[in-house]
């Protein structure tokens, strides 16, 4: 009972964080006063620390990069790409899974053999890639 309450609260907290990030990714670049891709007065706005204002009075929550672009707005703009890739990947995986499942329900023996071959071919490649990533990047 206590474990399920804890799980629900953690799930709700994670869903809330995801909702806030999604809202930020969608609305921050639209409401920002700065264009995150433009390079303006580089000398006056470059490498500002987090929480500072530039000479024009614009507030930079995470500071600016070496070209004077706002890092928070750029991060939210990049989050749009990540969100789009995640949603499209989920939709594609759902579509492929539904099609394979429907074919497998109708032709079990044909699909069973084909999926066995795919598993036998691709599983060693996946295991090899995991081993290489562990050896080359041990902290990840």
N, C-alpha and C. Protein backbone atom coordinates (compact mmCIF):
# COMPACT_ATOMS: atom_id res chain seq x y z
N UNK A 1 0.82 -1.19 0.00
CA UNK A 1 0.00 0.00 0.00
C UNK A 1 0.87 1.26 0.00
N UNK A 2 1.84 1.31 0.90
CA UNK A 2 2.71 2.49 0.98
C UNK A 2 3.57 2.59 -0.27
N UNK A 3 4.02 1.44 -0.78
CA UNK A 3 4.84 1.44 -1.99
C UNK A 3 4.07 1.96 -3.19
N UNK A 4 2.78 1.61 -3.29
CA UNK A 4 2.00 2.10 -4.43
C UNK A 4 1.73 3.60 -4.31
N UNK A 5 1.55 4.10 -3.10
CA UNK A 5 1.37 5.54 -2.92
C UNK A 5 2.65 6.28 -3.29
N UNK A 6 3.80 5.74 -2.86
CA UNK A 6 5.08 6.35 -3.20
C UNK A 6 5.30 6.34 -4.71
N UNK A 7 4.95 5.21 -5.35
CA UNK A 7 5.11 5.10 -6.80
C UNK A 7 4.22 6.11 -7.52
N UNK A 8 2.99 6.27 -7.03
CA UNK A 8 2.09 7.24 -7.66
C UNK A 8 2.60 8.66 -7.48
N UNK A 9 3.16 8.98 -6.32
CA UNK A 9 3.65 10.34 -6.11
C UNK A 9 4.90 10.61 -6.96
N UNK A 10 5.77 9.62 -7.10
CA UNK A 10 6.95 9.79 -7.95
C UNK A 10 6.53 9.91 -9.41
N UNK A 11 5.56 9.11 -9.81
CA UNK A 11 5.07 9.18 -11.19
C UNK A 11 4.41 10.53 -11.45
N UNK A 12 3.63 11.00 -10.50
CA UNK A 12 2.99 12.30 -10.66
C UNK A 12 4.01 13.43 -10.72
N UNK A 13 5.04 13.34 -9.89
CA UNK A 13 6.10 14.36 -9.90
C UNK A 13 6.82 14.36 -11.25
N UNK A 14 7.16 13.16 -11.75
CA UNK A 14 7.84 13.06 -13.05
C UNK A 14 6.95 13.57 -14.17
N UNK A 15 5.66 13.26 -14.12
CA UNK A 15 4.73 13.75 -15.14
C UNK A 15 4.62 15.28 -15.08
N UNK A 16 4.64 15.84 -13.87
CA UNK A 16 4.59 17.29 -13.73
C UNK A 16 5.82 17.97 -14.30
N UNK A 17 7.00 17.40 -14.03
CA UNK A 17 8.24 17.95 -14.59
C UNK A 17 8.22 17.87 -16.11
N UNK A 18 7.77 16.73 -16.64
CA UNK A 18 7.68 16.58 -18.10
C UNK A 18 6.70 17.58 -18.69
N UNK A 19 5.58 17.81 -18.03
CA UNK A 19 4.60 18.79 -18.52
C UNK A 19 5.18 20.21 -18.50
N UNK A 20 5.90 20.56 -17.43
CA UNK A 20 6.52 21.89 -17.37
C UNK A 20 7.57 22.07 -18.46
N UNK A 21 8.39 21.04 -18.67
CA UNK A 21 9.40 21.14 -19.74
C UNK A 21 8.74 21.25 -21.11
N UNK A 22 7.68 20.49 -21.33
CA UNK A 22 6.98 20.56 -22.61
C UNK A 22 6.38 21.94 -22.84
N UNK A 23 5.76 22.50 -21.82
CA UNK A 23 5.20 23.86 -21.94
C UNK A 23 6.31 24.86 -22.18
N UNK A 24 7.43 24.72 -21.47
CA UNK A 24 8.57 25.62 -21.68
C UNK A 24 9.14 25.52 -23.07
N UNK A 25 9.28 24.30 -23.56
CA UNK A 25 9.84 24.09 -24.90
C UNK A 25 8.95 24.70 -25.96
N UNK A 26 7.66 24.64 -25.75
CA UNK A 26 6.73 25.18 -26.75
C UNK A 26 6.66 26.70 -26.68
N UNK A 27 6.56 27.26 -25.48
CA UNK A 27 6.24 28.69 -25.36
C UNK A 27 7.43 29.61 -25.15
N UNK A 28 8.53 29.17 -24.57
CA UNK A 28 9.65 30.08 -24.30
C UNK A 28 10.22 30.67 -25.58
N UNK A 29 10.52 29.90 -26.63
CA UNK A 29 11.03 30.55 -27.85
C UNK A 29 10.03 31.49 -28.50
N UNK A 30 8.73 31.23 -28.33
CA UNK A 30 7.72 32.12 -28.91
C UNK A 30 7.63 33.44 -28.16
N UNK A 31 7.79 33.40 -26.84
CA UNK A 31 7.61 34.59 -26.01
C UNK A 31 8.92 35.35 -25.76
N UNK A 32 10.02 34.83 -26.21
CA UNK A 32 11.31 35.46 -25.95
C UNK A 32 11.48 36.73 -26.79
N UNK A 33 12.18 37.69 -26.21
CA UNK A 33 12.45 38.94 -26.92
C UNK A 33 13.64 38.80 -27.86
N UNK A 34 14.50 37.81 -27.61
CA UNK A 34 15.69 37.63 -28.43
C UNK A 34 15.47 36.50 -29.42
N UNK A 35 16.06 36.66 -30.59
CA UNK A 35 16.08 35.57 -31.56
C UNK A 35 17.24 34.65 -31.16
N UNK A 36 16.97 33.38 -30.87
CA UNK A 36 18.03 32.50 -30.38
C UNK A 36 19.08 32.17 -31.43
N UNK A 37 18.82 32.47 -32.68
CA UNK A 37 19.78 32.14 -33.73
C UNK A 37 20.56 33.33 -34.24
N UNK A 38 20.11 34.54 -33.91
CA UNK A 38 20.80 35.72 -34.43
C UNK A 38 22.01 36.07 -33.58
N UNK A 39 22.98 36.65 -34.25
CA UNK A 39 24.19 37.10 -33.58
C UNK A 39 24.21 38.62 -33.68
N UNK A 40 24.07 39.27 -32.53
CA UNK A 40 24.00 40.73 -32.51
C UNK A 40 25.33 41.35 -32.14
N UNK A 41 25.30 42.23 -31.17
CA UNK A 41 26.49 42.90 -30.67
C UNK A 41 27.27 41.91 -29.81
N UNK A 42 28.20 41.24 -30.44
CA UNK A 42 28.92 40.15 -29.78
C UNK A 42 29.75 40.64 -28.61
N UNK A 43 30.41 41.74 -28.76
CA UNK A 43 31.31 42.22 -27.71
C UNK A 43 30.56 42.63 -26.45
N UNK A 44 29.34 43.15 -26.59
CA UNK A 44 28.59 43.61 -25.42
C UNK A 44 27.84 42.48 -24.72
N UNK A 45 27.53 41.42 -25.46
CA UNK A 45 26.66 40.39 -24.88
C UNK A 45 27.32 39.02 -24.76
N UNK A 46 28.57 38.88 -25.10
CA UNK A 46 29.18 37.55 -25.09
C UNK A 46 29.59 37.14 -23.68
N UNK A 47 29.38 35.86 -23.40
CA UNK A 47 29.82 35.20 -22.16
C UNK A 47 29.33 35.90 -20.89
N UNK A 48 28.08 36.32 -20.90
CA UNK A 48 27.49 36.91 -19.69
C UNK A 48 27.20 35.78 -18.70
N UNK A 49 27.39 36.01 -17.41
CA UNK A 49 27.11 34.96 -16.43
C UNK A 49 25.61 34.73 -16.27
N UNK A 50 25.22 33.60 -15.69
CA UNK A 50 23.79 33.33 -15.47
C UNK A 50 23.14 34.39 -14.58
N UNK A 51 21.91 34.74 -14.93
CA UNK A 51 21.15 35.70 -14.14
C UNK A 51 21.55 37.14 -14.35
N UNK A 52 22.17 37.48 -15.46
CA UNK A 52 22.61 38.86 -15.67
C UNK A 52 21.82 39.51 -16.80
N UNK A 53 22.01 40.82 -16.91
CA UNK A 53 21.36 41.59 -17.98
C UNK A 53 22.44 42.12 -18.90
N UNK A 54 22.09 42.23 -20.18
CA UNK A 54 23.06 42.78 -21.13
C UNK A 54 22.87 44.30 -21.22
N UNK A 55 23.59 44.94 -22.13
CA UNK A 55 23.54 46.40 -22.24
C UNK A 55 22.18 46.90 -22.70
N UNK A 56 21.41 46.06 -23.39
CA UNK A 56 20.07 46.45 -23.84
C UNK A 56 19.02 46.22 -22.76
N UNK A 57 19.40 45.60 -21.65
CA UNK A 57 18.48 45.36 -20.55
C UNK A 57 17.79 44.01 -20.60
N UNK A 58 18.17 43.14 -21.53
CA UNK A 58 17.57 41.81 -21.62
C UNK A 58 18.14 40.90 -20.54
N UNK A 59 17.27 40.15 -19.89
CA UNK A 59 17.67 39.24 -18.83
C UNK A 59 18.03 37.89 -19.44
N UNK A 60 19.14 37.32 -18.99
CA UNK A 60 19.61 36.02 -19.49
C UNK A 60 19.69 35.06 -18.30
N UNK A 61 18.72 34.14 -18.23
CA UNK A 61 18.62 33.23 -17.09
C UNK A 61 19.85 32.35 -16.95
N UNK A 62 20.33 31.77 -18.05
CA UNK A 62 21.51 30.91 -18.02
C UNK A 62 22.74 31.56 -18.62
N UNK A 63 22.66 32.86 -18.89
CA UNK A 63 23.79 33.57 -19.46
C UNK A 63 23.77 33.51 -20.98
N UNK A 64 24.91 33.88 -21.57
CA UNK A 64 25.03 33.87 -23.04
C UNK A 64 26.26 33.09 -23.45
N UNK A 65 26.28 32.69 -24.72
CA UNK A 65 27.42 31.96 -25.24
C UNK A 65 28.44 32.95 -25.83
N UNK A 66 29.44 32.44 -26.52
CA UNK A 66 30.50 33.31 -27.02
C UNK A 66 30.06 34.21 -28.16
N UNK A 67 28.86 33.96 -28.71
CA UNK A 67 28.31 34.83 -29.75
C UNK A 67 27.22 35.75 -29.23
N UNK A 68 26.98 35.74 -27.90
CA UNK A 68 26.00 36.62 -27.30
C UNK A 68 24.57 36.12 -27.38
N UNK A 69 24.37 34.83 -27.68
CA UNK A 69 23.02 34.28 -27.78
C UNK A 69 22.59 33.73 -26.42
N UNK A 70 21.32 33.91 -26.09
CA UNK A 70 20.78 33.48 -24.81
C UNK A 70 20.76 31.96 -24.74
N UNK A 71 21.41 31.40 -23.71
CA UNK A 71 21.53 29.95 -23.61
C UNK A 71 20.22 29.28 -23.22
N UNK A 72 19.42 29.91 -22.37
CA UNK A 72 18.15 29.30 -21.96
C UNK A 72 17.19 29.19 -23.15
N UNK A 73 17.09 30.25 -23.94
CA UNK A 73 16.20 30.22 -25.10
C UNK A 73 16.70 29.21 -26.12
N UNK A 74 18.00 29.14 -26.31
CA UNK A 74 18.56 28.16 -27.25
C UNK A 74 18.31 26.73 -26.75
N UNK A 75 18.41 26.52 -25.45
CA UNK A 75 18.16 25.19 -24.89
C UNK A 75 16.69 24.80 -25.08
N UNK A 76 15.79 25.73 -24.88
CA UNK A 76 14.38 25.44 -25.09
C UNK A 76 14.07 25.19 -26.56
N UNK A 77 14.75 25.91 -27.45
CA UNK A 77 14.57 25.68 -28.88
C UNK A 77 15.09 24.30 -29.27
N UNK A 78 16.20 23.88 -28.70
CA UNK A 78 16.73 22.53 -28.96
C UNK A 78 15.81 21.47 -28.37
N UNK A 79 15.13 21.81 -27.28
CA UNK A 79 14.19 20.87 -26.68
C UNK A 79 13.03 20.56 -27.61
N UNK A 80 12.67 21.50 -28.47
CA UNK A 80 11.62 21.23 -29.47
C UNK A 80 12.03 20.09 -30.38
N UNK A 81 13.28 20.10 -30.82
CA UNK A 81 13.77 19.04 -31.69
C UNK A 81 13.74 17.71 -30.95
N UNK A 82 14.20 17.70 -29.70
CA UNK A 82 14.20 16.47 -28.92
C UNK A 82 12.78 15.95 -28.70
N UNK A 83 11.86 16.85 -28.42
CA UNK A 83 10.47 16.45 -28.21
C UNK A 83 9.88 15.88 -29.50
N UNK A 84 10.16 16.51 -30.62
CA UNK A 84 9.65 16.01 -31.91
C UNK A 84 10.23 14.63 -32.23
N UNK A 85 11.52 14.44 -32.00
CA UNK A 85 12.14 13.15 -32.26
C UNK A 85 11.54 12.08 -31.36
N UNK A 86 11.32 12.40 -30.09
CA UNK A 86 10.73 11.43 -29.17
C UNK A 86 9.31 11.05 -29.56
N UNK A 87 8.51 12.04 -29.93
CA UNK A 87 7.12 11.76 -30.31
C UNK A 87 7.07 10.97 -31.61
N UNK A 88 7.86 11.37 -32.61
CA UNK A 88 7.86 10.64 -33.87
C UNK A 88 8.40 9.22 -33.70
N UNK A 89 9.42 9.05 -32.86
CA UNK A 89 9.93 7.71 -32.61
C UNK A 89 8.90 6.82 -31.93
N UNK A 90 8.16 7.37 -30.98
CA UNK A 90 7.10 6.61 -30.32
C UNK A 90 5.99 6.23 -31.28
N UNK A 91 5.59 7.17 -32.13
CA UNK A 91 4.54 6.88 -33.10
C UNK A 91 4.98 5.83 -34.11
N UNK A 92 6.23 5.94 -34.56
CA UNK A 92 6.75 4.96 -35.51
C UNK A 92 6.84 3.57 -34.88
N UNK A 93 7.34 3.50 -33.66
CA UNK A 93 7.43 2.21 -32.97
C UNK A 93 6.05 1.61 -32.73
N UNK A 94 5.09 2.45 -32.39
CA UNK A 94 3.72 1.96 -32.20
C UNK A 94 3.13 1.43 -33.49
N UNK A 95 3.36 2.15 -34.59
CA UNK A 95 2.83 1.71 -35.88
C UNK A 95 3.46 0.39 -36.32
N UNK A 96 4.78 0.30 -36.22
CA UNK A 96 5.46 -0.94 -36.61
C UNK A 96 5.04 -2.09 -35.71
N UNK A 97 4.94 -1.85 -34.42
CA UNK A 97 4.51 -2.90 -33.50
C UNK A 97 3.10 -3.37 -33.76
N UNK A 98 2.22 -2.45 -34.10
CA UNK A 98 0.84 -2.83 -34.41
C UNK A 98 0.77 -3.65 -35.69
N UNK A 99 1.53 -3.25 -36.70
CA UNK A 99 1.53 -3.99 -37.97
C UNK A 99 2.12 -5.38 -37.77
N UNK A 100 3.25 -5.47 -37.09
CA UNK A 100 3.88 -6.77 -36.86
C UNK A 100 2.98 -7.65 -36.00
N UNK A 101 2.33 -7.06 -35.01
CA UNK A 101 1.42 -7.83 -34.17
C UNK A 101 0.23 -8.35 -34.94
N UNK A 102 -0.33 -7.52 -35.84
CA UNK A 102 -1.47 -7.96 -36.64
C UNK A 102 -1.07 -9.06 -37.60
N UNK A 103 0.09 -8.93 -38.22
CA UNK A 103 0.57 -9.98 -39.13
C UNK A 103 0.87 -11.25 -38.33
N UNK A 104 1.47 -11.09 -37.17
CA UNK A 104 1.80 -12.24 -36.34
C UNK A 104 0.58 -12.99 -35.84
N UNK A 105 -0.49 -12.28 -35.59
CA UNK A 105 -1.73 -12.93 -35.14
C UNK A 105 -2.32 -13.76 -36.27
N UNK A 106 -2.21 -13.25 -37.49
CA UNK A 106 -2.79 -13.94 -38.63
C UNK A 106 -1.88 -15.07 -39.13
N UNK A 107 -0.58 -14.84 -39.23
CA UNK A 107 0.39 -15.81 -39.75
C UNK A 107 1.47 -16.06 -38.71
N UNK A 108 1.15 -16.77 -37.65
CA UNK A 108 2.07 -16.94 -36.54
C UNK A 108 3.36 -17.63 -36.94
N UNK A 109 3.28 -18.73 -37.67
CA UNK A 109 4.47 -19.51 -37.97
C UNK A 109 5.40 -18.80 -38.94
N UNK A 110 4.84 -18.11 -39.92
CA UNK A 110 5.67 -17.35 -40.86
C UNK A 110 6.41 -16.23 -40.15
N UNK A 111 5.71 -15.46 -39.34
CA UNK A 111 6.32 -14.33 -38.64
C UNK A 111 7.29 -14.80 -37.56
N UNK A 112 6.96 -15.91 -36.91
CA UNK A 112 7.83 -16.44 -35.87
C UNK A 112 9.21 -16.76 -36.42
N UNK A 113 9.26 -17.39 -37.58
CA UNK A 113 10.55 -17.71 -38.19
C UNK A 113 11.31 -16.47 -38.60
N UNK A 114 10.60 -15.49 -39.18
CA UNK A 114 11.25 -14.26 -39.63
C UNK A 114 11.80 -13.47 -38.45
N UNK A 115 11.04 -13.37 -37.36
CA UNK A 115 11.52 -12.63 -36.20
C UNK A 115 12.67 -13.34 -35.52
N UNK A 116 12.69 -14.67 -35.57
CA UNK A 116 13.82 -15.42 -35.01
C UNK A 116 15.10 -15.10 -35.78
N UNK A 117 15.00 -15.04 -37.09
CA UNK A 117 16.17 -14.71 -37.92
C UNK A 117 16.65 -13.29 -37.61
N UNK A 118 15.73 -12.34 -37.51
CA UNK A 118 16.10 -10.96 -37.20
C UNK A 118 16.78 -10.88 -35.83
N UNK A 119 16.25 -11.61 -34.86
CA UNK A 119 16.84 -11.61 -33.52
C UNK A 119 18.23 -12.22 -33.54
N UNK A 120 18.39 -13.32 -34.24
CA UNK A 120 19.70 -13.99 -34.29
C UNK A 120 20.73 -13.09 -34.98
N UNK A 121 20.31 -12.32 -35.97
CA UNK A 121 21.24 -11.45 -36.71
C UNK A 121 21.59 -10.20 -35.90
N UNK A 122 20.58 -9.54 -35.31
CA UNK A 122 20.82 -8.23 -34.70
C UNK A 122 21.21 -8.26 -33.23
N UNK A 123 20.91 -9.32 -32.51
CA UNK A 123 21.26 -9.37 -31.09
C UNK A 123 22.77 -9.32 -30.85
N UNK A 124 23.59 -10.07 -31.59
CA UNK A 124 25.05 -9.94 -31.37
C UNK A 124 25.59 -8.55 -31.69
N UNK A 125 25.00 -7.89 -32.68
CA UNK A 125 25.44 -6.53 -33.01
C UNK A 125 25.14 -5.59 -31.85
N UNK A 126 23.95 -5.72 -31.27
CA UNK A 126 23.57 -4.88 -30.14
C UNK A 126 24.46 -5.14 -28.93
N UNK A 127 24.74 -6.40 -28.65
CA UNK A 127 25.62 -6.74 -27.51
C UNK A 127 27.02 -6.21 -27.76
N UNK A 128 27.51 -6.32 -28.98
CA UNK A 128 28.85 -5.81 -29.31
C UNK A 128 28.91 -4.29 -29.11
N UNK A 129 27.88 -3.59 -29.57
CA UNK A 129 27.85 -2.13 -29.42
C UNK A 129 27.81 -1.72 -27.95
N UNK A 130 27.05 -2.44 -27.12
CA UNK A 130 27.03 -2.16 -25.69
C UNK A 130 28.40 -2.36 -25.06
N UNK A 131 29.06 -3.44 -25.41
CA UNK A 131 30.39 -3.72 -24.85
C UNK A 131 31.39 -2.63 -25.26
N UNK A 132 31.32 -2.20 -26.51
CA UNK A 132 32.24 -1.16 -26.98
C UNK A 132 31.96 0.15 -26.23
N UNK A 133 30.70 0.48 -26.03
CA UNK A 133 30.39 1.74 -25.34
C UNK A 133 30.81 1.68 -23.88
N UNK A 134 30.70 0.51 -23.24
CA UNK A 134 31.15 0.38 -21.84
C UNK A 134 32.65 0.50 -21.74
N UNK A 135 33.37 -0.07 -22.70
CA UNK A 135 34.84 -0.03 -22.65
C UNK A 135 35.34 1.39 -22.96
N UNK A 136 34.75 2.03 -23.99
CA UNK A 136 35.24 3.36 -24.39
C UNK A 136 34.74 4.49 -23.49
N UNK A 137 33.55 4.35 -22.95
CA UNK A 137 32.96 5.38 -22.09
C UNK A 137 32.53 4.73 -20.78
N UNK A 138 33.44 4.43 -19.89
CA UNK A 138 33.10 3.65 -18.70
C UNK A 138 32.16 4.36 -17.73
N UNK A 139 32.07 5.67 -17.76
CA UNK A 139 31.22 6.37 -16.82
C UNK A 139 29.78 6.49 -17.26
N UNK A 140 29.48 6.09 -18.47
CA UNK A 140 28.13 6.29 -19.00
C UNK A 140 27.26 5.08 -18.82
